[in-house]
Amino acid sequence: DTSRINEADSLWTRALRIDSTYMPAWSNLAQIRMDRGRVADARALLQRAVRINPDYVDATRRLGALLAVQGDSNSIPYLERMVNSGEVTDESLVALAQAYLNANRQDDAIAALRRALTLNPRRADAASFLGAMLVQRGQVDEARPLLESAVANGDRNAMTFALLSFVYGQRQRADESLRMAQQAAALGGSDEQVLLMIGRAMLP
């Protein structure tokens, strides 16, 4: 009941006064702080939680994902602990891939994304993310089905369409390249990077 968040906050806080090792309270308080935009507070709560119990999966997962979003390479050991446990999910693998990319560990990022797609082949952001990395490496034939899958599964990111336009253009599939370029322009016409990729796709 979102109208009673203050009560929830108060009750979780009281729970910790009674028992500071009650781990769900730390995670739930952190989520409330996140929902209110108090990211630094959420981070501090989660860090405290994993100091109390390094094996508590929920706090480890949340802290790793939060640090990854902030571009903090300290997220990697938390996320690796998650994915090497029995609690591995496609969500934690995508977060780990982002953390690896932030640390310039591209091969590890690619491996994590492949593993995420093994768990969830319909994961659009993982397919798009991996496809983009493969395009950067010149592996357009391997990137194409990934980008197509991302679009088929609901990806509406302009760059995904621009990349797919580029991939089709590289294989002389002009009509499909133009169609993807038009969709990319419609979705992100003011994004310089998208326009640049469309331009590359249109080169003869």
Protein backbone atom coordinates (compact mmCIF):
# COMPACT_ATOMS: atom_id res chain seq x y z
CA ASP A 1 0.00 0.00 0.00
CA THR A 2 1.99 2.99 -1.28
CA SER A 3 -0.02 5.38 0.89
CA ARG A 4 1.49 3.76 3.99
CA ILE A 5 5.19 3.88 3.12
CA ASN A 6 5.94 6.05 6.16
CA GLU A 7 4.45 3.39 8.43
CA ALA A 8 6.51 0.70 6.72
CA ASP A 9 9.64 2.80 7.16
CA SER A 10 8.88 3.26 10.86
CA LEU A 11 8.19 -0.44 11.42
CA TRP A 12 11.37 -1.61 9.66
CA THR A 13 13.36 0.91 11.71
CA ARG A 14 11.79 -0.36 14.94
CA ALA A 15 12.55 -3.94 13.88
CA LEU A 16 16.24 -3.07 13.60
CA ARG A 17 16.26 -1.47 17.04
CA ILE A 18 14.99 -4.78 18.40
CA ASP A 19 17.31 -6.96 16.31
CA SER A 20 20.00 -5.32 14.18
CA THR A 21 20.72 -8.66 12.48
CA TYR A 22 17.20 -8.94 11.03
CA MET A 23 18.33 -8.75 7.40
CA PRO A 24 15.03 -8.18 5.54
CA ALA A 25 14.64 -4.86 7.38
CA TRP A 26 17.93 -3.54 5.97
CA SER A 27 16.96 -4.45 2.40
CA ASN A 28 13.45 -3.08 2.66
CA LEU A 29 14.58 0.19 4.22
CA ALA A 30 17.13 0.53 1.43
CA GLN A 31 14.39 0.02 -1.16
CA ILE A 32 12.27 2.73 0.46
CA ARG A 33 15.24 5.10 0.33
CA MET A 34 15.81 4.22 -3.33
CA ASP A 35 12.17 4.84 -4.18
CA ARG A 36 12.45 8.26 -2.57
CA GLY A 37 15.59 9.13 -4.52
CA ARG A 38 17.85 8.90 -1.46
CA VAL A 39 20.45 6.77 -3.19
CA ALA A 40 23.33 7.54 -0.81
CA ASP A 41 21.20 6.47 2.16
CA ALA A 42 20.20 3.25 0.37
CA ARG A 43 23.83 2.49 -0.41
CA ALA A 44 24.85 3.02 3.23
CA LEU A 45 22.08 0.72 4.48
CA LEU A 46 23.04 -2.05 2.06
CA GLN A 47 26.72 -1.74 2.89
CA ARG A 48 25.87 -2.07 6.57
CA ALA A 49 23.76 -5.13 5.81
CA VAL A 50 26.50 -6.99 3.94
CA ARG A 51 28.97 -6.18 6.71
CA ILE A 52 26.60 -7.82 9.20
CA ASN A 53 25.93 -10.83 6.97
CA PRO A 54 28.05 -11.15 3.79
CA ASP A 55 25.99 -14.19 2.77
CA TYR A 56 22.64 -12.39 2.72
CA VAL A 57 21.68 -12.70 -0.94
CA ASP A 58 19.11 -9.92 -1.26
CA ALA A 59 21.33 -7.17 0.15
CA THR A 60 24.31 -8.42 -1.86
CA ARG A 61 22.27 -8.35 -5.07
CA ARG A 62 20.81 -4.91 -4.42
CA LEU A 63 24.14 -3.38 -3.45
CA GLY A 64 25.92 -4.83 -6.46
CA ALA A 65 23.24 -3.53 -8.83
CA LEU A 66 23.22 -0.09 -7.20
CA LEU A 67 27.00 0.26 -7.42
CA ALA A 68 26.95 -0.92 -11.05
CA VAL A 69 24.41 1.75 -11.98
CA GLN A 70 26.68 4.33 -10.32
CA GLY A 71 29.63 3.10 -12.38
CA ASP A 72 31.47 1.90 -9.28
CA SER A 73 33.77 -1.05 -10.01
CA ASN A 74 33.36 -2.13 -6.37
CA SER A 75 30.11 -3.67 -7.57
CA ILE A 76 31.97 -6.51 -9.28
CA PRO A 77 32.79 -8.73 -6.25
CA TYR A 78 29.21 -8.43 -4.95
CA LEU A 79 27.71 -9.35 -8.32
CA GLU A 80 30.22 -12.14 -8.92
CA ARG A 81 29.30 -13.60 -5.56
CA MET A 82 25.67 -13.53 -6.67
CA VAL A 83 26.14 -15.16 -10.05
CA ASN A 84 28.43 -17.84 -8.66
CA SER A 85 25.82 -18.79 -6.09
CA GLY A 86 22.66 -20.77 -6.57
CA GLU A 87 20.76 -17.47 -6.81
CA VAL A 88 21.99 -16.45 -10.27
CA THR A 89 19.43 -14.60 -12.41
CA ASP A 90 19.50 -12.88 -15.78
CA GLU A 91 19.05 -9.59 -13.89
CA SER A 92 22.23 -10.07 -11.85
CA LEU A 93 24.16 -11.15 -14.95
CA VAL A 94 23.14 -8.02 -16.89
CA ALA A 95 24.17 -5.87 -13.93
CA LEU A 96 27.49 -7.73 -13.78
CA ALA A 97 28.01 -7.16 -17.51
CA GLN A 98 27.53 -3.42 -17.00
CA ALA A 99 30.00 -3.48 -14.12
CA TYR A 100 32.56 -5.32 -16.24
CA LEU A 101 32.11 -2.80 -19.05
CA ASN A 102 32.61 0.07 -16.60
CA ALA A 103 35.90 -1.59 -15.64
CA ASN A 104 36.86 -2.04 -19.33
CA ARG A 105 36.58 -5.83 -19.08
CA GLN A 106 34.76 -6.35 -22.38
CA ASP A 107 35.36 -10.08 -22.76
CA ASP A 108 33.93 -10.70 -19.29
CA ALA A 109 30.94 -8.46 -20.10
CA ILE A 110 30.23 -10.43 -23.26
CA ALA A 111 30.44 -13.73 -21.37
CA ALA A 112 28.01 -12.47 -18.71
CA LEU A 113 25.52 -11.30 -21.36
CA ARG A 114 25.68 -14.64 -23.17
CA ARG A 115 24.95 -16.37 -19.89
CA ALA A 116 22.03 -14.01 -19.20
CA LEU A 117 20.53 -14.81 -22.60
CA THR A 118 20.92 -18.53 -21.93
CA LEU A 119 18.75 -18.06 -18.85
CA ASN A 120 16.30 -15.72 -20.57
CA PRO A 121 16.50 -15.67 -24.39
CA ARG A 122 13.78 -13.00 -24.54
CA ARG A 123 15.76 -10.49 -22.46
CA ALA A 124 15.74 -7.54 -24.88
CA ASP A 125 18.23 -5.29 -23.10
CA ALA A 126 20.80 -8.09 -22.84
CA ALA A 127 20.42 -8.91 -26.55
CA SER A 128 20.74 -5.25 -27.53
CA PHE A 129 23.70 -4.70 -25.22
CA LEU A 130 25.54 -7.75 -26.56
CA GLY A 131 24.65 -6.92 -30.16
CA ALA A 132 26.07 -3.41 -29.77
CA MET A 133 29.33 -4.75 -28.35
CA LEU A 134 29.69 -7.21 -31.22
CA VAL A 135 29.04 -4.46 -33.80
CA GLN A 136 31.85 -2.46 -32.21
CA ARG A 137 34.10 -5.49 -32.71
CA GLY A 138 33.09 -5.83 -36.36
CA GLN A 139 31.17 -9.07 -35.73
CA VAL A 140 28.08 -7.91 -37.60
CA ASP A 141 26.81 -11.34 -38.61
CA GLU A 142 26.76 -12.47 -34.99
CA ALA A 143 25.24 -9.16 -33.87
CA ARG A 144 22.32 -9.23 -36.33
CA PRO A 145 20.15 -11.98 -34.73
CA LEU A 146 20.73 -10.44 -31.30
CA LEU A 147 19.57 -7.00 -32.41
CA GLU A 148 16.63 -8.54 -34.26
CA SER A 149 15.69 -10.44 -31.11
CA ALA A 150 15.87 -7.26 -29.04
CA VAL A 151 13.49 -5.46 -31.41
CA ALA A 152 11.15 -8.46 -31.58
CA ASN A 153 11.00 -8.56 -27.77
CA GLY A 154 10.03 -4.92 -27.33
CA ASP A 155 13.25 -2.90 -27.38
CA ARG A 156 12.36 0.68 -28.35
CA ASN A 157 15.82 2.15 -27.96
CA ALA A 158 16.69 4.26 -31.00
CA MET A 159 20.29 3.05 -31.00
CA THR A 160 19.19 -0.57 -31.34
CA PHE A 161 17.36 0.29 -34.57
CA ALA A 162 20.31 2.38 -35.77
CA LEU A 163 22.70 -0.51 -35.14
CA LEU A 164 20.40 -2.91 -36.94
CA SER A 165 20.25 -0.46 -39.86
CA PHE A 166 24.05 -0.45 -39.94
CA VAL A 167 24.22 -4.25 -39.82
CA TYR A 168 21.75 -4.61 -42.70
CA GLY A 169 23.65 -1.98 -44.67
CA GLN A 170 26.88 -3.94 -44.22
CA ARG A 171 25.21 -6.90 -45.88
CA GLN A 172 23.63 -4.88 -48.74
CA ARG A 173 20.10 -5.33 -47.42
CA ALA A 174 19.22 -1.78 -48.42
CA ASP A 175 15.45 -1.82 -47.94
CA GLU A 176 15.70 -3.26 -44.43
CA SER A 177 18.52 -0.88 -43.58
CA LEU A 178 16.44 2.13 -44.65
CA ARG A 179 13.40 0.90 -42.70
CA MET A 180 15.43 0.50 -39.51
CA ALA A 181 17.07 3.90 -40.06
CA GLN A 182 13.65 5.55 -40.35
CA GLN A 183 12.51 3.96 -37.10
CA ALA A 184 15.73 4.96 -35.36
CA ALA A 185 15.28 8.57 -36.52
CA ALA A 186 11.66 8.61 -35.36
CA LEU A 187 12.62 7.33 -31.90
CA GLY A 188 15.78 9.35 -31.34
CA GLY A 189 16.10 12.00 -34.00
CA SER A 190 17.84 14.49 -31.70
CA ASP A 191 20.44 12.02 -30.38
CA GLU A 192 23.77 12.74 -32.04
CA GLN A 193 25.09 9.21 -31.58
CA VAL A 194 21.97 7.73 -33.15
CA LEU A 195 22.23 10.11 -36.11
CA LEU A 196 25.90 9.27 -36.54
CA MET A 197 25.13 5.55 -36.63
CA ILE A 198 22.32 6.12 -39.15
CA GLY A 199 24.77 8.07 -41.28
CA ARG A 200 27.24 5.18 -41.17
CA ALA A 201 24.45 2.81 -42.17
CA MET A 202 23.57 4.95 -45.21
CA LEU A 203 27.13 5.08 -46.55
CA PRO A 204 27.51 3.10 -49.77
